[in-house]
Amino acid sequence: MMKKELGLFLLLAVISAITGAINPAFLSFVNLLNMANLIGLFGVFALGEGLVIITGGIDLSLGSMFALLGVVFIDLLTTYQVPWPFALLLVLMGGLALGGIQGFLITRLKMQPFIVTLCGLLIYRGAARYYTSDSTRGFGYGDEASTLSNIASGNIGGIPNTFIFLIILALILGVLLHRSVYGRWLYAVGKNEEAARFSGINTNLVIATAYVISGGLAGVSTVMFVFYTNSVSPSSFGNFYELYAIAAAVLGGCSLRGGEGSILGIVLGTALLQVLQNLVNILGIPNSLNFAVMGTVILIGVLADQQLQARRRRKAALAGLARTAPKKDSTILQSATALPTRTGDQA
């Protein structure tokens, strides 16, 4: 465990202890399981957002993608009576396709990720509202996809399936990011895209696949959230969820400049964000201030990242001076001894 992740874990433990001291109900089994479920729900798409941020990009369209894919998924099951395995496959392919389109616009047409995903945020939400005539879609009283519902919202030994799925996915992506060539490419592109390109890395492919993975994970999260809420309102479903993902990634150590971050850090950031949300509820702070809390968290995370970057630069500069200083002295001594001596000098 690296220093940043260790510090985040200790901060999570301290805040959890303080929250438990304020209200012992925080440490109740029911509340812990509910938090584990929420961590699983939000952690899946936060991992995709983290991969995008590591490349130096950003994805603002996740929440609107949930709305569009959610209404389509419910319609496939209820209106068109599509078997749930095919409906699930279509939603996952839809998420991959939306991520691929954004990756294409960013890499091939050289558009800014902020602009592309901001437009996606508006387009997907508008398309969802138009598709449903701005009406809510739900399952009603039927038992459509009961098997999938049990998988998405059930539990094993009391542990929510969403949390178990997050752990499995984190392990897979951890190997991909930290133990594979592709992961090194992601970091290289985030650090310096031009230098990575000159070193022979297909930077366009690396960036595009990051958005494709993010879109695919958004499709998975959509299915889980649909069964969590049992209905989809296109005007509010997934609203501002991209902020949760960005906040979790920033809290987890992902630098908005790119080139930094870890899977463990993103998971811990998601857990810390949910603990903070729980603390807000325990302290009786109005829910309307939740977004203010998230904004404050993102701001503090960015400020901390800037301070760490400045500290690293100072350390690197001092280390460089320490390495070069002896070399200069030895060079001067060598040049001095190499000078021809005269009789008077010897005297």
Protein backbone atom coordinates (compact mmCIF):
# COMPACT_ATOMS: atom_id res chain seq x y z
CA MET A 1 0.00 0.00 0.00
CA MET A 2 1.53 3.34 -1.08
CA LYS A 3 1.77 6.37 1.17
CA LYS A 4 -1.17 8.14 -0.42
CA GLU A 5 -3.47 5.13 -0.11
CA LEU A 6 -2.29 4.47 3.44
CA GLY A 7 -3.02 8.07 4.43
CA LEU A 8 -6.45 7.84 2.83
CA PHE A 9 -7.18 4.61 4.71
CA LEU A 10 -6.17 6.20 8.02
CA LEU A 11 -8.34 9.24 7.26
CA LEU A 12 -11.27 6.93 6.48
CA ALA A 13 -10.74 5.08 9.76
CA VAL A 14 -10.55 8.32 11.79
CA ILE A 15 -13.68 9.82 10.23
CA SER A 16 -15.55 6.53 10.70
CA ALA A 17 -14.51 6.43 14.38
CA ILE A 18 -15.61 10.05 14.90
CA THR A 19 -18.93 9.41 13.16
CA GLY A 20 -19.48 6.28 15.24
CA ALA A 21 -18.74 8.24 18.41
CA ILE A 22 -21.25 10.92 17.45
CA ASN A 23 -23.94 8.38 16.61
CA PRO A 24 -23.42 4.69 17.45
CA ALA A 25 -26.07 3.81 14.85
CA PHE A 26 -23.38 4.46 12.25
CA LEU A 27 -21.63 1.25 13.28
CA SER A 28 -24.81 -0.83 13.26
CA PHE A 29 -24.85 -3.86 11.00
CA VAL A 30 -27.76 -2.56 8.93
CA ASN A 31 -26.10 0.81 8.30
CA LEU A 32 -22.77 -0.79 7.40
CA LEU A 33 -24.47 -3.09 4.88
CA ASN A 34 -26.36 -0.14 3.40
CA MET A 35 -23.11 1.78 3.02
CA ALA A 36 -21.44 -1.25 1.45
CA ASN A 37 -24.27 -1.39 -1.08
CA LEU A 38 -23.87 2.31 -1.91
CA ILE A 39 -20.09 1.95 -2.17
CA GLY A 40 -20.62 -0.87 -4.65
CA LEU A 41 -23.15 1.12 -6.67
CA PHE A 42 -21.03 4.27 -6.93
CA GLY A 43 -17.65 2.57 -7.00
CA VAL A 44 -18.19 0.72 -10.29
CA PHE A 45 -18.57 3.80 -12.49
CA ALA A 46 -16.06 5.75 -10.35
CA LEU A 47 -13.41 3.24 -11.49
CA GLY A 48 -14.19 4.05 -15.11
CA GLU A 49 -14.02 7.78 -14.40
CA GLY A 50 -10.69 7.23 -12.66
CA LEU A 51 -9.18 5.54 -15.72
CA VAL A 52 -10.26 8.48 -17.87
CA ILE A 53 -8.80 10.99 -15.41
CA ILE A 54 -5.50 9.08 -15.35
CA THR A 55 -5.20 9.71 -19.11
CA GLY A 56 -5.63 13.43 -18.47
CA GLY A 57 -9.26 13.53 -19.60
CA ILE A 58 -12.63 13.80 -17.89
CA ASP A 59 -16.11 12.35 -18.44
CA LEU A 60 -19.03 14.60 -17.53
CA SER A 61 -21.68 12.53 -19.28
CA LEU A 62 -22.01 9.57 -16.89
CA GLY A 63 -25.18 10.69 -15.12
CA SER A 64 -27.00 11.47 -18.36
CA MET A 65 -25.79 8.17 -19.80
CA PHE A 66 -27.49 6.44 -16.87
CA ALA A 67 -30.78 8.17 -17.71
CA LEU A 68 -30.71 7.22 -21.40
CA LEU A 69 -29.57 3.63 -20.89
CA GLY A 70 -31.94 3.23 -17.94
CA VAL A 71 -35.13 4.12 -19.80
CA VAL A 72 -34.07 1.97 -22.75
CA PHE A 73 -33.35 -0.97 -20.45
CA ILE A 74 -36.74 -0.78 -18.72
CA ASP A 75 -38.55 -0.42 -22.05
CA LEU A 76 -36.77 -3.46 -23.46
CA LEU A 77 -37.95 -5.54 -20.49
CA THR A 78 -41.49 -4.22 -20.05
CA THR A 79 -42.68 -2.87 -23.39
CA TYR A 80 -40.88 -5.13 -25.85
CA GLN A 81 -40.63 -8.19 -23.57
CA VAL A 82 -37.00 -8.80 -24.51
CA PRO A 83 -35.39 -11.61 -22.45
CA TRP A 84 -33.23 -10.09 -19.75
CA PRO A 85 -29.90 -11.55 -20.98
CA PHE A 86 -30.36 -9.82 -24.35
CA ALA A 87 -31.59 -6.60 -22.72
CA LEU A 88 -28.54 -6.63 -20.45
CA LEU A 89 -26.24 -7.23 -23.41
CA LEU A 90 -27.84 -4.39 -25.39
CA VAL A 91 -27.42 -1.94 -22.50
CA LEU A 92 -23.78 -2.91 -22.05
CA MET A 93 -23.16 -2.55 -25.78
CA GLY A 94 -24.93 0.82 -25.67
CA GLY A 95 -22.58 2.03 -22.92
CA LEU A 96 -19.55 0.80 -24.85
CA ALA A 97 -20.83 2.51 -28.02
CA LEU A 98 -21.42 5.86 -26.28
CA GLY A 99 -17.96 5.70 -24.75
CA GLY A 100 -16.49 4.79 -28.13
CA ILE A 101 -18.17 7.76 -29.82
CA GLN A 102 -16.75 10.12 -27.23
CA GLY A 103 -13.32 8.54 -27.57
CA PHE A 104 -13.48 8.92 -31.35
CA LEU A 105 -14.40 12.62 -31.12
CA ILE A 106 -11.57 13.26 -28.66
CA THR A 107 -8.82 11.30 -30.41
CA ARG A 108 -9.65 11.56 -34.11
CA LEU A 109 -11.32 14.96 -34.30
CA LYS A 110 -9.06 16.39 -31.55
CA MET A 111 -11.89 17.87 -29.53
CA GLN A 112 -11.45 18.72 -25.88
CA PRO A 113 -12.72 16.01 -23.48
CA PHE A 114 -14.51 18.63 -21.41
CA ILE A 115 -16.50 19.87 -24.42
CA VAL A 116 -17.26 16.41 -25.81
CA THR A 117 -18.51 14.97 -22.53
CA LEU A 118 -20.39 18.17 -21.63
CA CYS A 119 -22.25 17.90 -24.93
CA GLY A 120 -22.86 14.23 -24.15
CA LEU A 121 -24.33 15.24 -20.79
CA LEU A 122 -26.85 17.48 -22.55
CA ILE A 123 -27.58 15.19 -25.51
CA TYR A 124 -28.12 11.97 -23.54
CA ARG A 125 -30.36 13.63 -20.96
CA GLY A 126 -32.38 15.37 -23.67
CA ALA A 127 -32.70 12.16 -25.67
CA ALA A 128 -33.93 10.27 -22.58
CA ARG A 129 -36.56 12.91 -21.84
CA TYR A 130 -37.72 12.98 -25.45
CA TYR A 131 -37.85 9.17 -25.68
CA THR A 132 -40.14 8.93 -22.65
CA SER A 133 -42.02 12.21 -23.24
CA ASP A 134 -40.49 13.26 -19.92
CA SER A 135 -42.38 10.53 -18.05
CA THR A 136 -41.10 8.03 -15.51
CA ARG A 137 -40.48 4.42 -16.52
CA GLY A 138 -40.78 1.58 -14.03
CA PHE A 139 -41.37 -2.13 -13.63
CA GLY A 140 -44.83 -1.83 -12.13
CA TYR A 141 -46.08 -4.96 -10.40
CA GLY A 142 -44.62 -7.52 -12.78
CA ASP A 143 -41.69 -9.79 -12.16
CA GLU A 144 -39.65 -8.88 -15.22
CA ALA A 145 -36.07 -10.04 -14.97
CA SER A 146 -36.52 -11.32 -11.43
CA THR A 147 -33.34 -13.37 -11.78
CA LEU A 148 -31.31 -10.36 -12.83
CA SER A 149 -32.92 -8.31 -10.07
CA ASN A 150 -31.84 -10.86 -7.48
CA ILE A 151 -28.32 -10.79 -8.86
CA ALA A 152 -28.09 -6.99 -8.99
CA SER A 153 -29.76 -6.19 -5.67
CA GLY A 154 -29.31 -9.41 -3.69
CA ASN A 155 -26.62 -10.46 -1.23
CA ILE A 156 -24.38 -13.38 -0.38
CA GLY A 157 -24.02 -14.12 3.31
CA GLY A 158 -25.44 -10.68 4.07
CA ILE A 159 -22.85 -8.88 1.93
CA PRO A 160 -24.48 -6.94 -0.95
CA ASN A 161 -23.75 -8.32 -4.41
CA THR A 162 -22.92 -4.82 -5.59
CA PHE A 163 -20.04 -4.59 -3.10
CA ILE A 164 -18.79 -8.07 -4.04
CA PHE A 165 -18.91 -7.14 -7.71
CA LEU A 166 -16.97 -3.94 -6.99
CA ILE A 167 -14.20 -5.89 -5.24
CA ILE A 168 -13.95 -8.38 -8.13
CA LEU A 169 -13.92 -5.58 -10.69
CA ALA A 170 -11.32 -3.64 -8.69
CA LEU A 171 -9.03 -6.68 -8.63
CA ILE A 172 -9.35 -7.12 -12.41
CA LEU A 173 -8.75 -3.45 -13.15
CA GLY A 174 -5.95 -3.37 -10.59
CA VAL A 175 -4.10 -6.03 -12.55
CA LEU A 176 -4.86 -4.19 -15.79
CA LEU A 177 -3.65 -0.83 -14.50
CA HIS A 178 -0.71 -1.84 -12.30
CA ARG A 179 0.53 -5.10 -13.80
CA SER A 180 0.09 -4.75 -17.55
CA VAL A 181 1.63 -2.87 -20.44
CA TYR A 182 -1.67 -1.12 -21.09
CA GLY A 183 -1.61 0.31 -17.57
CA ARG A 184 1.87 1.73 -18.11
CA TRP A 185 0.64 3.25 -21.34
CA LEU A 186 -2.24 4.93 -19.48
CA TYR A 187 0.16 6.54 -17.02
CA ALA A 188 2.55 7.55 -19.80
CA VAL A 189 -0.21 9.21 -21.82
CA GLY A 190 -1.46 11.04 -18.75
CA LYS A 191 2.02 12.29 -17.84
CA ASN A 192 2.98 13.51 -21.29
CA GLU A 193 0.92 12.52 -24.31
CA GLU A 194 3.39 13.91 -26.85
CA ALA A 195 6.35 12.12 -25.28
CA ALA A 196 4.33 8.89 -25.16
CA ARG A 197 3.50 9.25 -28.85
CA PHE A 198 7.16 9.76 -29.78
CA SER A 199 8.08 6.67 -27.75
CA GLY A 200 5.88 4.54 -30.00
CA ILE A 201 2.66 4.33 -27.95
CA ASN A 202 -0.61 4.53 -29.88
CA THR A 203 -1.97 7.33 -27.70
CA ASN A 204 -5.25 7.62 -29.59
CA LEU A 205 -6.03 3.95 -28.97
CA VAL A 206 -5.12 4.19 -25.28
CA ILE A 207 -7.31 7.25 -24.68
CA ALA A 208 -10.23 5.88 -26.71
CA THR A 209 -10.21 2.55 -24.86
CA ALA A 210 -10.29 4.40 -21.53
CA TYR A 211 -13.56 6.09 -22.59
CA VAL A 212 -14.91 2.78 -23.91
CA ILE A 213 -14.20 1.09 -20.56
CA SER A 214 -15.84 4.01 -18.74
CA GLY A 215 -18.92 3.72 -20.94
CA GLY A 216 -19.12 -0.04 -20.41
CA LEU A 217 -18.92 0.36 -16.63
CA ALA A 218 -21.61 3.04 -16.87
CA GLY A 219 -23.83 0.45 -18.57
CA VAL A 220 -23.20 -2.02 -15.73
CA SER A 221 -23.94 0.67 -13.13
CA THR A 222 -27.14 1.60 -14.95
CA VAL A 223 -28.53 -1.92 -14.53
CA MET A 224 -27.63 -1.97 -10.83
CA PHE A 225 -29.16 1.46 -10.19
CA VAL A 226 -32.33 0.55 -12.08
CA PHE A 227 -32.96 -2.38 -9.76
CA TYR A 228 -31.96 -0.25 -6.77
CA THR A 229 -34.59 2.41 -7.56
CA ASN A 230 -37.09 0.22 -9.56
CA SER A 231 -37.90 3.21 -11.74
CA VAL A 232 -36.20 5.78 -13.93
CA SER A 233 -37.16 9.44 -14.13
CA PRO A 234 -35.24 10.81 -17.15
CA SER A 235 -35.03 14.30 -15.66
CA SER A 236 -33.41 13.23 -12.38
CA PHE A 237 -32.09 9.66 -12.66
CA GLY A 238 -28.29 9.76 -12.36
CA ASN A 239 -28.35 13.51 -11.91
CA PHE A 240 -24.88 14.82 -10.96
CA TYR A 241 -23.55 11.28 -10.52
CA GLU A 242 -20.52 12.28 -12.55
CA LEU A 243 -19.62 14.60 -9.66
CA TYR A 244 -19.63 11.63 -7.29
CA ALA A 245 -17.28 9.79 -9.63
CA ILE A 246 -14.91 12.76 -10.02
CA ALA A 247 -14.93 13.42 -6.27
CA ALA A 248 -14.20 9.76 -5.49
CA ALA A 249 -11.35 9.65 -8.01
CA VAL A 250 -9.82 12.91 -6.76
CA LEU A 251 -10.14 11.79 -3.15
CA GLY A 252 -8.48 8.53 -4.17
CA GLY A 253 -5.38 10.29 -5.45
CA CYS A 254 -6.17 10.72 -9.17
CA SER A 255 -4.64 13.97 -10.36
CA LEU A 256 -6.79 16.01 -12.73
CA ARG A 257 -3.56 16.70 -14.63
CA GLY A 258 -3.36 13.00 -15.46
CA GLY A 259 -0.70 10.38 -14.94
CA GLU A 260 -1.52 9.59 -11.30
CA GLY A 261 -4.00 7.40 -9.47
CA SER A 262 -4.66 3.84 -8.38
CA ILE A 263 -7.59 1.43 -8.25
CA LEU A 264 -7.27 0.99 -4.49
CA GLY A 265 -7.27 4.76 -4.06
CA ILE A 266 -10.49 5.13 -6.08
CA VAL A 267 -12.23 2.45 -4.01
CA LEU A 268 -11.09 4.12 -0.78
CA GLY A 269 -12.17 7.51 -2.15
CA THR A 270 -15.64 6.13 -2.89
CA ALA A 271 -15.87 4.70 0.63
CA LEU A 272 -14.72 7.98 2.17
CA LEU A 273 -17.27 9.93 0.15
CA GLN A 274 -20.10 7.68 1.34
CA VAL A 275 -18.92 7.99 4.95
CA LEU A 276 -18.94 11.77 4.58
CA GLN A 277 -22.45 11.64 3.13
CA ASN A 278 -23.53 9.49 6.08
CA LEU A 279 -21.90 11.94 8.49
CA VAL A 280 -23.87 14.78 6.87
CA ASN A 281 -27.11 12.90 7.50
CA ILE A 282 -26.15 12.03 11.07
CA LEU A 283 -25.30 15.66 11.88
CA GLY A 284 -28.70 16.72 10.59
CA ILE A 285 -27.30 18.83 7.76
CA PRO A 286 -30.00 19.37 5.08
CA ASN A 287 -29.76 17.14 2.01
CA SER A 288 -29.73 20.26 -0.13
CA LEU A 289 -26.14 20.82 1.05
CA ASN A 290 -24.92 17.48 -0.29
CA PHE A 291 -23.68 19.08 -3.48
CA ALA A 292 -21.92 21.76 -1.44
CA VAL A 293 -20.17 18.99 0.49
CA MET A 294 -19.09 17.32 -2.77
CA GLY A 295 -17.84 20.60 -4.17
CA THR A 296 -15.84 21.24 -1.02
CA VAL A 297 -14.37 17.73 -1.18
CA ILE A 298 -13.27 18.20 -4.80
CA LEU A 299 -11.79 21.61 -4.00
CA ILE A 300 -9.83 20.29 -1.02
CA GLY A 301 -8.63 17.33 -3.07
CA VAL A 302 -7.36 19.55 -5.89
CA LEU A 303 -5.64 21.91 -3.43
CA ALA A 304 -3.98 18.97 -1.70
CA ASP A 305 -2.85 17.62 -5.07
CA GLN A 306 -1.30 20.98 -5.99
CA GLN A 307 0.55 21.13 -2.68
CA LEU A 308 1.88 17.59 -3.13
CA GLN A 309 3.00 18.37 -6.67
CA ALA A 310 4.82 21.52 -5.50
CA ARG A 311 6.46 19.59 -2.67
CA ARG A 312 7.65 16.88 -5.07
CA ARG A 313 9.09 19.48 -7.43
CA ARG A 314 10.99 21.12 -4.58
CA LYS A 315 12.35 17.76 -3.43
CA ALA A 316 13.39 16.88 -6.97
CA ALA A 317 15.12 20.25 -7.38
CA LEU A 318 17.00 19.89 -4.10
CA ALA A 319 18.01 16.33 -4.95
CA GLY A 320 19.30 17.51 -8.31
CA LEU A 321 21.37 20.24 -6.69
CA ALA A 322 22.77 17.76 -4.17
CA ARG A 323 23.82 15.40 -6.95
CA THR A 324 25.41 18.05 -9.17
CA ALA A 325 27.24 20.05 -6.49
CA PRO A 326 30.00 17.48 -5.74
CA LYS A 327 30.56 16.92 -9.43
CA LYS A 328 31.18 20.61 -9.97
CA ASP A 329 33.67 20.77 -7.08
CA SER A 330 35.57 17.72 -8.30
CA THR A 331 35.66 19.17 -11.80
CA ILE A 332 37.11 22.41 -10.48
CA LEU A 333 39.76 20.55 -8.46
CA GLN A 334 40.68 18.38 -11.42
CA SER A 335 40.99 21.40 -13.69
CA ALA A 336 43.08 23.19 -11.07
CA THR A 337 45.50 20.31 -10.67
CA ALA A 338 45.77 19.97 -14.42
CA LEU A 339 47.14 23.54 -14.76
CA PRO A 340 50.86 23.80 -15.43
CA THR A 341 52.80 24.89 -12.38
CA ARG A 342 55.57 27.48 -12.31
CA THR A 343 58.60 27.69 -10.07
CA GLY A 344 57.17 30.63 -8.19
CA ASP A 345 53.87 28.79 -7.62
CA GLN A 346 55.67 25.82 -6.15
CA ALA A 347 57.55 28.11 -3.80
